[in-house]
Amino acid sequence: MAASLCWPLALFCYFVCVWRWSFDLSWTERFLVADGLLFHWQVWCVAGAALQFLAVRLSHYAGPLEDVAASPPEPRIPITAREVEHAGRA
């Protein structure tokens, strides 16, 4: 779930980075932040890249999404002799 939330935040950071570039080129008249650390486009670009990297890593950590309701679980096949003997009693 965290990975799915990181993608929109990364896109937002990239959008703000482009907005800041357009402010530098005088295409826009105002920017979200007037002064400080968040006034620099590099901060927004790095934040977007970090969030995108985090989203990719979290999605790999979580594994592929499987539709549980689509198929019933397969029956477990006993492997050891003890499990075969136990399954024969049941």
Protein backbone atom coordinates (compact mmCIF):
# COMPACT_ATOMS: atom_id res chain seq x y z
CA MET A 1 0.00 0.00 0.00
CA ALA A 2 2.84 2.37 0.76
CA ALA A 3 4.24 1.82 -2.72
CA SER A 4 0.94 2.82 -4.29
CA LEU A 5 1.01 6.06 -2.32
CA CYS A 6 4.60 6.87 -3.28
CA TRP A 7 3.87 7.02 -7.03
CA PRO A 8 1.45 9.99 -6.85
CA LEU A 9 3.76 11.80 -4.45
CA ALA A 10 6.69 11.28 -6.81
CA LEU A 11 4.64 12.64 -9.71
CA PHE A 12 3.66 15.64 -7.58
CA CYS A 13 7.33 16.33 -6.81
CA TYR A 14 8.21 16.11 -10.51
CA PHE A 15 5.34 18.46 -11.30
CA VAL A 16 6.57 21.00 -8.74
CA CYS A 17 10.09 20.66 -10.17
CA VAL A 18 8.81 21.52 -13.66
CA TRP A 19 6.76 24.35 -12.19
CA ARG A 20 9.91 25.72 -10.56
CA TRP A 21 11.75 25.49 -13.89
CA SER A 22 8.95 27.40 -15.57
CA PHE A 23 9.26 30.03 -12.84
CA ASP A 24 13.01 30.35 -13.59
CA LEU A 25 12.20 30.78 -17.29
CA SER A 26 9.57 33.43 -16.43
CA TRP A 27 6.77 31.32 -17.87
CA THR A 28 4.86 31.56 -14.58
CA GLU A 29 4.58 34.52 -12.26
CA ARG A 30 4.33 32.78 -8.89
CA PHE A 31 5.71 29.69 -7.24
CA LEU A 32 4.41 27.63 -4.36
CA VAL A 33 7.25 28.60 -1.99
CA ALA A 34 8.74 32.10 -1.95
CA ASP A 35 12.01 31.35 -0.14
CA GLY A 36 13.96 28.63 1.62
CA LEU A 37 15.08 25.11 0.84
CA LEU A 38 11.90 24.15 -1.03
CA PHE A 39 12.41 27.08 -3.41
CA HIS A 40 15.08 25.14 -5.33
CA TRP A 41 14.07 22.82 -8.18
CA GLN A 42 16.85 20.37 -7.31
CA VAL A 43 15.16 19.55 -4.00
CA TRP A 44 11.90 18.66 -5.74
CA CYS A 45 13.69 16.57 -8.39
CA VAL A 46 15.64 14.60 -5.76
CA ALA A 47 12.49 14.12 -3.67
CA GLY A 48 10.62 12.79 -6.70
CA ALA A 49 13.45 10.43 -7.60
CA ALA A 50 13.71 9.19 -4.00
CA LEU A 51 9.97 8.56 -3.80
CA GLN A 52 9.98 6.76 -7.14
CA PHE A 53 12.90 4.59 -6.02
CA LEU A 54 11.10 3.87 -2.75
CA ALA A 55 7.93 2.90 -4.61
CA VAL A 56 9.83 0.49 -6.84
CA ARG A 57 11.66 -1.10 -3.92
CA LEU A 58 8.48 -1.43 -1.86
CA SER A 59 6.58 -2.98 -4.76
CA HIS A 60 9.37 -5.54 -5.26
CA TYR A 61 9.43 -6.24 -1.53
CA ALA A 62 5.67 -6.77 -1.45
CA GLY A 63 5.77 -9.19 -4.37
CA PRO A 64 3.26 -9.59 -7.17
CA LEU A 65 -0.38 -8.95 -6.50
CA GLU A 66 -2.46 -12.10 -6.68
CA ASP A 67 -6.20 -12.36 -6.96
CA VAL A 68 -7.08 -14.70 -4.11
CA ALA A 69 -10.72 -15.06 -5.10
CA ALA A 70 -9.89 -16.00 -8.70
CA SER A 71 -8.75 -19.55 -8.01
CA PRO A 72 -9.21 -21.90 -5.07
CA PRO A 73 -6.07 -23.08 -3.31
CA GLU A 74 -4.55 -26.27 -4.63
CA PRO A 75 -4.65 -29.28 -2.32
CA ARG A 76 -1.43 -29.94 -0.49
CA ILE A 77 0.34 -33.15 -1.50
CA PRO A 78 2.01 -34.98 1.42
CA ILE A 79 5.76 -35.15 1.01
CA THR A 80 7.22 -37.24 3.82
CA ALA A 81 6.34 -40.80 4.83
CA ARG A 82 4.98 -39.55 8.15
CA GLU A 83 2.64 -37.15 6.35
CA VAL A 84 1.52 -39.97 4.02
CA GLU A 85 0.84 -42.22 7.03
CA HIS A 86 -1.01 -39.42 8.82
CA ALA A 87 -3.08 -38.66 5.71
CA GLY A 88 -4.05 -42.36 5.45
CA ARG A 89 -5.51 -42.32 8.97
CA ALA A 90 -7.73 -39.33 8.37
